[in-house]
Amino acid sequence: QVQLVESGGGLVQPGGSLRLSCAASGLTLRYYGIGWFRQAPGKEREGVSCITISDGSTYYADSVKGRFTISRDNAKNTVYLQMNSLKPDDTAVYYCAADIPWCGSEWYQKGKYDYWGQGTQVTVSS
């Protein structure tokens, strides 16, 4: 049974940092691309970042480039999203998702992902 479990969300002040984790079980991470998405109240779920595990290639939404960094730890079967310089607009539920076999040029399309986690809340507020 495939499971993706996000953790690391919370309340942070503007300008602060958080590191989200996506722990995978029931699948071998190196055969997948792992994406991070977010959904704010009343808005569509949007792609934030993606990493192709096999070659480490990464993708970012323009809104987070230079602030967020995606990485993976193959030994722990875990993908991370380091979020720095957080803004109130980053407030959302963050989800990780898995797609065989890589991110690709349309990594931001949520319909291409096979598995999803339950999400973790990130709130950026003073």
Protein backbone atom coordinates (compact mmCIF):
# COMPACT_ATOMS: atom_id res chain seq x y z
CA GLN A 1 0.00 0.00 0.00
CA VAL A 2 1.44 3.32 -1.10
CA GLN A 3 1.52 6.09 1.47
CA LEU A 4 2.84 9.62 1.32
CA VAL A 5 2.92 11.43 4.65
CA GLU A 6 3.65 15.13 4.88
CA SER A 7 4.93 16.81 8.02
CA GLY A 8 6.63 20.01 9.11
CA GLY A 9 3.86 22.52 8.61
CA GLY A 10 2.92 25.13 11.17
CA LEU A 11 2.55 28.80 11.95
CA VAL A 12 5.46 31.08 11.02
CA GLN A 13 5.95 34.82 10.81
CA PRO A 14 6.56 36.53 7.46
CA GLY A 15 10.20 36.18 6.50
CA GLY A 16 10.54 32.94 8.43
CA SER A 17 11.36 29.43 7.29
CA LEU A 18 9.88 25.94 7.42
CA ARG A 19 11.01 22.59 6.11
CA LEU A 20 8.33 20.20 4.93
CA SER A 21 8.93 16.47 4.67
CA CYS A 22 7.22 13.90 2.48
CA ALA A 23 7.89 10.36 3.71
CA ALA A 24 7.05 7.65 1.20
CA SER A 25 6.26 4.01 1.89
CA GLY A 26 5.08 1.20 -0.34
CA LEU A 27 6.98 2.54 -3.32
CA THR A 28 10.58 2.86 -4.42
CA LEU A 29 11.22 6.56 -4.62
CA ARG A 30 13.86 6.39 -7.36
CA TYR A 31 11.23 5.40 -9.92
CA TYR A 32 9.15 8.51 -9.35
CA GLY A 33 8.94 12.23 -9.65
CA ILE A 34 7.72 13.82 -6.41
CA GLY A 35 5.82 17.05 -6.57
CA TRP A 36 4.73 19.55 -3.97
CA PHE A 37 1.41 21.31 -4.45
CA ARG A 38 -0.50 23.77 -2.33
CA GLN A 39 -4.09 24.84 -1.99
CA ALA A 40 -5.26 28.01 -0.32
CA PRO A 41 -8.90 28.47 0.74
CA GLY A 42 -11.10 29.17 -2.28
CA LYS A 43 -8.27 28.59 -4.76
CA GLU A 44 -7.20 25.83 -7.09
CA ARG A 45 -4.47 23.41 -6.09
CA GLU A 46 -1.26 24.66 -7.69
CA GLY A 47 2.13 23.16 -8.38
CA VAL A 48 4.96 24.47 -6.24
CA SER A 49 7.94 22.26 -7.08
CA CYS A 50 8.94 18.84 -8.34
CA ILE A 51 12.01 16.62 -8.23
CA THR A 52 12.78 13.65 -10.44
CA ILE A 53 14.39 11.24 -8.02
CA SER A 54 16.48 9.31 -10.57
CA ASP A 55 18.49 12.27 -11.83
CA GLY A 56 17.75 15.01 -9.31
CA SER A 57 16.29 17.45 -11.82
CA THR A 58 14.12 20.08 -10.18
CA TYR A 59 11.30 22.39 -11.17
CA TYR A 60 9.79 25.40 -9.43
CA ALA A 61 6.83 27.68 -9.82
CA ASP A 62 7.85 31.26 -10.56
CA SER A 63 6.24 32.39 -7.32
CA VAL A 64 8.68 30.36 -5.20
CA LYS A 65 11.90 30.41 -7.23
CA GLY A 66 14.83 31.57 -5.15
CA ARG A 67 12.92 31.01 -1.90
CA PHE A 68 12.03 27.29 -1.90
CA THR A 69 14.37 24.35 -2.41
CA ILE A 70 13.31 20.77 -3.06
CA SER A 71 15.62 17.89 -2.21
CA ARG A 72 15.55 14.17 -1.55
CA ASP A 73 17.12 11.61 0.76
CA ASN A 74 16.94 8.28 -1.03
CA ALA A 75 18.05 6.33 2.02
CA LYS A 76 15.12 7.70 4.01
CA ASN A 77 12.68 7.55 1.09
CA THR A 78 11.87 11.16 1.87
CA VAL A 79 11.57 14.39 -0.11
CA TYR A 80 11.93 17.79 1.51
CA LEU A 81 10.75 21.29 0.70
CA GLN A 82 12.81 23.98 2.37
CA MET A 83 10.81 27.20 2.41
CA ASN A 84 12.57 30.46 3.20
CA SER A 85 11.46 34.10 3.14
CA LEU A 86 7.89 33.02 3.63
CA LYS A 87 5.08 35.40 2.74
CA PRO A 88 1.42 35.50 3.79
CA ASP A 89 0.57 34.43 0.21
CA ASP A 90 2.34 31.12 0.90
CA THR A 91 -0.37 30.20 3.39
CA ALA A 92 -2.01 26.98 2.20
CA VAL A 93 -2.29 23.26 2.74
CA TYR A 94 0.77 21.67 1.18
CA TYR A 95 0.56 18.26 -0.44
CA CYS A 96 3.16 15.95 -1.89
CA ALA A 97 2.37 13.65 -4.78
CA ALA A 98 4.12 10.89 -6.74
CA ASP A 99 4.23 10.43 -10.51
CA ILE A 100 5.87 7.65 -12.54
CA PRO A 101 8.61 8.03 -13.73
CA TRP A 102 9.60 11.70 -13.57
CA CYS A 103 8.36 15.26 -13.26
CA GLY A 104 8.59 16.34 -16.90
CA SER A 105 7.72 19.64 -18.50
CA GLU A 106 4.12 19.47 -17.27
CA TRP A 107 5.04 18.70 -13.67
CA TYR A 108 2.55 21.32 -12.45
CA GLN A 109 -0.45 19.41 -13.82
CA LYS A 110 -2.03 17.78 -10.77
CA GLY A 111 -3.92 15.25 -12.90
CA LYS A 112 -0.71 13.41 -13.86
CA TYR A 113 0.14 12.30 -10.32
CA ASP A 114 -0.75 8.82 -9.15
CA TYR A 115 -0.54 9.14 -5.37
CA TRP A 116 -1.21 11.96 -2.93
CA GLY A 117 -0.58 12.65 0.71
CA GLN A 118 -3.11 14.12 3.13
CA GLY A 119 -1.45 17.51 3.35
CA THR A 120 0.09 19.73 6.01
CA GLN A 121 -1.06 23.25 6.90
CA VAL A 122 1.35 26.15 6.49
CA THR A 123 0.24 29.50 7.88
CA VAL A 124 2.34 32.62 7.43
CA SER A 125 1.10 35.40 9.66
CA SER A 126 2.30 37.95 12.16
